[in-house]
Amino acid sequence: MLMAGKEDLEGDRRRELVSRIATGDWDAVVITHSSFERIRMSPRFSERFIKEIIHEIEMAVRAEKSNDRSNRIVKQLEAMKKN
């Protein structure tokens, strides 16, 4: 398990931490949410990730509509997709 502290994300240590995360055989990496947000992702990766989430939401909407489920659930899913 790798536990990253605030000091691990300062200056050049951030690159070292990201390299350790990427190349290590960790069972878990623990990092604060605010520190995690400071690690940048490539625009291509971010776009692909968002498209996958949107696809999953669209599949859930279809499943809910086909099951004649509550319209409230469908509306919530549509709101998630919009956000």
N, C-alpha and C. Protein backbone atom coordinates (compact mmCIF):
# COMPACT_ATOMS: atom_id res chain seq x y z
N MET A 1 0.85 -1.16 0.00
CA MET A 1 0.00 0.00 0.00
C MET A 1 0.90 1.23 0.00
N LEU A 2 0.52 2.21 -0.81
CA LEU A 2 1.25 3.47 -0.88
C LEU A 2 0.35 4.56 -0.32
N MET A 3 0.86 5.28 0.67
CA MET A 3 0.11 6.39 1.25
C MET A 3 0.83 7.68 0.89
N ALA A 4 0.17 8.53 0.13
CA ALA A 4 0.77 9.78 -0.31
C ALA A 4 0.37 10.92 0.62
N GLY A 5 1.34 11.70 1.01
CA GLY A 5 1.08 12.86 1.86
C GLY A 5 1.10 14.14 1.05
N LYS A 6 0.74 15.21 1.70
CA LYS A 6 0.69 16.51 1.03
C LYS A 6 2.06 16.88 0.44
N GLU A 7 3.13 16.57 1.17
CA GLU A 7 4.47 16.90 0.70
C GLU A 7 4.86 16.13 -0.56
N ASP A 8 4.21 14.98 -0.79
CA ASP A 8 4.50 14.20 -2.00
C ASP A 8 3.99 14.86 -3.26
N LEU A 9 3.15 15.88 -3.13
CA LEU A 9 2.59 16.54 -4.30
C LEU A 9 3.16 17.94 -4.50
N GLU A 10 4.25 18.24 -3.86
CA GLU A 10 4.87 19.55 -4.00
C GLU A 10 6.01 19.48 -5.01
N GLY A 11 6.01 20.41 -5.95
CA GLY A 11 7.10 20.53 -6.92
C GLY A 11 7.38 19.25 -7.69
N ASP A 12 8.67 18.92 -7.76
CA ASP A 12 9.10 17.75 -8.54
C ASP A 12 8.70 16.43 -7.89
N ARG A 13 8.34 16.46 -6.62
CA ARG A 13 7.95 15.23 -5.94
C ARG A 13 6.65 14.67 -6.51
N ARG A 14 5.82 15.54 -7.11
CA ARG A 14 4.57 15.07 -7.71
C ARG A 14 4.86 14.10 -8.86
N ARG A 15 5.81 14.44 -9.70
CA ARG A 15 6.17 13.55 -10.81
C ARG A 15 6.71 12.22 -10.30
N GLU A 16 7.52 12.30 -9.25
CA GLU A 16 8.06 11.09 -8.65
C GLU A 16 6.93 10.22 -8.11
N LEU A 17 5.97 10.83 -7.43
CA LEU A 17 4.84 10.07 -6.88
C LEU A 17 4.03 9.41 -7.99
N VAL A 18 3.71 10.17 -9.02
CA VAL A 18 2.93 9.62 -10.13
C VAL A 18 3.69 8.47 -10.79
N SER A 19 4.99 8.60 -10.93
CA SER A 19 5.80 7.52 -11.49
C SER A 19 5.77 6.28 -10.60
N ARG A 20 5.88 6.50 -9.29
CA ARG A 20 5.82 5.37 -8.36
C ARG A 20 4.47 4.68 -8.43
N ILE A 21 3.41 5.46 -8.54
CA ILE A 21 2.06 4.88 -8.64
C ILE A 21 1.95 4.06 -9.92
N ALA A 22 2.42 4.63 -11.03
CA ALA A 22 2.27 3.97 -12.33
C ALA A 22 3.12 2.72 -12.47
N THR A 23 4.30 2.73 -11.89
CA THR A 23 5.22 1.60 -12.11
C THR A 23 5.23 0.59 -10.98
N GLY A 24 4.63 0.94 -9.85
CA GLY A 24 4.63 0.02 -8.71
C GLY A 24 3.55 -1.03 -8.80
N ASP A 25 3.70 -2.06 -8.00
CA ASP A 25 2.72 -3.14 -7.94
C ASP A 25 1.94 -2.98 -6.63
N TRP A 26 1.19 -1.90 -6.54
CA TRP A 26 0.48 -1.55 -5.31
C TRP A 26 -0.86 -2.25 -5.23
N ASP A 27 -1.22 -2.69 -4.04
CA ASP A 27 -2.56 -3.21 -3.80
C ASP A 27 -3.54 -2.05 -3.63
N ALA A 28 -3.03 -0.93 -3.12
CA ALA A 28 -3.86 0.25 -2.92
C ALA A 28 -2.97 1.49 -2.88
N VAL A 29 -3.53 2.59 -3.33
CA VAL A 29 -2.87 3.89 -3.22
C VAL A 29 -3.83 4.80 -2.50
N VAL A 30 -3.38 5.37 -1.38
CA VAL A 30 -4.23 6.25 -0.57
C VAL A 30 -3.74 7.68 -0.76
N ILE A 31 -4.67 8.54 -1.16
CA ILE A 31 -4.34 9.94 -1.41
C ILE A 31 -5.59 10.76 -1.11
N THR A 32 -5.41 11.94 -0.57
CA THR A 32 -6.58 12.77 -0.27
C THR A 32 -7.25 13.22 -1.56
N HIS A 33 -8.53 13.52 -1.46
CA HIS A 33 -9.28 13.94 -2.63
C HIS A 33 -8.69 15.22 -3.22
N SER A 34 -8.36 16.18 -2.37
CA SER A 34 -7.82 17.44 -2.86
C SER A 34 -6.45 17.23 -3.54
N SER A 35 -5.66 16.31 -3.02
CA SER A 35 -4.37 16.01 -3.65
C SER A 35 -4.57 15.29 -4.97
N PHE A 36 -5.55 14.39 -5.00
CA PHE A 36 -5.83 13.66 -6.24
C PHE A 36 -6.22 14.61 -7.36
N GLU A 37 -6.98 15.64 -7.03
CA GLU A 37 -7.41 16.60 -8.05
C GLU A 37 -6.24 17.38 -8.63
N ARG A 38 -5.13 17.45 -7.92
CA ARG A 38 -3.96 18.18 -8.41
C ARG A 38 -3.17 17.39 -9.44
N ILE A 39 -3.45 16.09 -9.57
CA ILE A 39 -2.76 15.26 -10.57
C ILE A 39 -3.53 15.41 -11.88
N ARG A 40 -2.88 15.96 -12.85
CA ARG A 40 -3.54 16.22 -14.13
C ARG A 40 -3.64 14.97 -14.98
N MET A 41 -4.74 14.90 -15.72
CA MET A 41 -4.95 13.82 -16.68
C MET A 41 -4.89 14.43 -18.07
N SER A 42 -4.51 13.64 -19.03
CA SER A 42 -4.46 14.15 -20.40
C SER A 42 -5.88 14.44 -20.88
N PRO A 43 -6.03 15.43 -21.75
CA PRO A 43 -7.37 15.74 -22.28
C PRO A 43 -8.00 14.52 -22.98
N ARG A 44 -7.18 13.73 -23.66
CA ARG A 44 -7.69 12.54 -24.35
C ARG A 44 -8.26 11.53 -23.37
N PHE A 45 -7.53 11.29 -22.28
CA PHE A 45 -8.01 10.36 -21.26
C PHE A 45 -9.30 10.86 -20.63
N SER A 46 -9.32 12.15 -20.28
CA SER A 46 -10.50 12.74 -19.65
C SER A 46 -11.72 12.62 -20.55
N GLU A 47 -11.54 12.90 -21.84
CA GLU A 47 -12.65 12.82 -22.79
C GLU A 47 -13.16 11.39 -22.89
N ARG A 48 -12.25 10.43 -22.99
CA ARG A 48 -12.65 9.02 -23.10
C ARG A 48 -13.38 8.57 -21.83
N PHE A 49 -12.90 8.99 -20.67
CA PHE A 49 -13.53 8.63 -19.40
C PHE A 49 -14.96 9.19 -19.33
N ILE A 50 -15.13 10.45 -19.69
CA ILE A 50 -16.45 11.08 -19.66
C ILE A 50 -17.40 10.39 -20.63
N LYS A 51 -16.92 10.04 -21.81
CA LYS A 51 -17.76 9.34 -22.78
C LYS A 51 -18.21 7.97 -22.26
N GLU A 52 -17.33 7.28 -21.55
CA GLU A 52 -17.69 5.99 -20.97
C GLU A 52 -18.77 6.15 -19.90
N ILE A 53 -18.65 7.17 -19.07
CA ILE A 53 -19.65 7.42 -18.03
C ILE A 53 -20.99 7.75 -18.67
N ILE A 54 -20.98 8.59 -19.70
CA ILE A 54 -22.22 8.96 -20.39
C ILE A 54 -22.86 7.71 -21.00
N HIS A 55 -22.05 6.85 -21.58
CA HIS A 55 -22.58 5.61 -22.17
C HIS A 55 -23.24 4.74 -21.09
N GLU A 56 -22.60 4.62 -19.94
CA GLU A 56 -23.17 3.82 -18.85
C GLU A 56 -24.50 4.41 -18.38
N ILE A 57 -24.57 5.72 -18.31
CA ILE A 57 -25.83 6.37 -17.91
C ILE A 57 -26.91 6.12 -18.95
N GLU A 58 -26.56 6.23 -20.23
CA GLU A 58 -27.53 5.98 -21.30
C GLU A 58 -28.05 4.55 -21.24
N MET A 59 -27.17 3.59 -20.95
CA MET A 59 -27.59 2.19 -20.83
C MET A 59 -28.54 2.02 -19.64
N ALA A 60 -28.25 2.69 -18.54
CA ALA A 60 -29.12 2.62 -17.37
C ALA A 60 -30.49 3.23 -17.66
N VAL A 61 -30.53 4.33 -18.41
CA VAL A 61 -31.80 4.95 -18.79
C VAL A 61 -32.62 3.98 -19.63
N ARG A 62 -31.97 3.35 -20.60
CA ARG A 62 -32.68 2.37 -21.45
C ARG A 62 -33.23 1.22 -20.62
N ALA A 63 -32.43 0.73 -19.68
CA ALA A 63 -32.87 -0.39 -18.85
C ALA A 63 -34.06 0.02 -17.99
N GLU A 64 -34.02 1.21 -17.42
CA GLU A 64 -35.13 1.68 -16.59
C GLU A 64 -36.40 1.88 -17.41
N LYS A 65 -36.25 2.40 -18.61
CA LYS A 65 -37.42 2.61 -19.47
C LYS A 65 -38.04 1.28 -19.90
N SER A 66 -37.20 0.29 -20.16
CA SER A 66 -37.71 -1.00 -20.60
C SER A 66 -38.36 -1.78 -19.46
N ASN A 67 -37.99 -1.47 -18.22
CA ASN A 67 -38.56 -2.14 -17.06
C ASN A 67 -39.80 -1.43 -16.53
N ASP A 68 -40.23 -0.39 -17.23
CA ASP A 68 -41.37 0.41 -16.79
C ASP A 68 -41.19 0.88 -15.35
N ARG A 69 -40.00 1.30 -15.04
CA ARG A 69 -39.70 1.78 -13.69
C ARG A 69 -40.15 3.22 -13.53
N SER A 70 -39.94 3.70 -12.34
CA SER A 70 -40.32 5.06 -11.98
C SER A 70 -39.70 6.08 -12.92
N ASN A 71 -40.49 7.03 -13.31
CA ASN A 71 -40.02 8.11 -14.16
C ASN A 71 -38.99 8.97 -13.42
N ARG A 72 -39.07 8.98 -12.09
CA ARG A 72 -38.14 9.75 -11.26
C ARG A 72 -36.70 9.28 -11.46
N ILE A 73 -36.50 7.97 -11.53
CA ILE A 73 -35.16 7.42 -11.71
C ILE A 73 -34.60 7.85 -13.07
N VAL A 74 -35.43 7.78 -14.09
CA VAL A 74 -35.00 8.18 -15.43
C VAL A 74 -34.62 9.66 -15.42
N LYS A 75 -35.42 10.48 -14.77
CA LYS A 75 -35.12 11.92 -14.70
C LYS A 75 -33.80 12.17 -13.97
N GLN A 76 -33.55 11.41 -12.90
CA GLN A 76 -32.29 11.56 -12.17
C GLN A 76 -31.09 11.17 -13.05
N LEU A 77 -31.25 10.10 -13.78
CA LEU A 77 -30.17 9.65 -14.67
C LEU A 77 -29.92 10.68 -15.77
N GLU A 78 -30.99 11.23 -16.33
CA GLU A 78 -30.84 12.25 -17.37
C GLU A 78 -30.13 13.49 -16.81
N ALA A 79 -30.43 13.84 -15.57
CA ALA A 79 -29.77 14.99 -14.94
C ALA A 79 -28.28 14.70 -14.75
N MET A 80 -27.95 13.47 -14.35
CA MET A 80 -26.55 13.08 -14.20
C MET A 80 -25.82 13.18 -15.54
N LYS A 81 -26.46 12.73 -16.60
CA LYS A 81 -25.86 12.78 -17.93
C LYS A 81 -25.60 14.23 -18.33
N LYS A 82 -26.55 15.10 -18.06
CA LYS A 82 -26.40 16.51 -18.42
C LYS A 82 -25.23 17.13 -17.68
N ASN A 83 -25.10 16.79 -16.39
CA ASN A 83 -23.99 17.35 -15.61
C ASN A 83 -22.67 16.83 -16.10
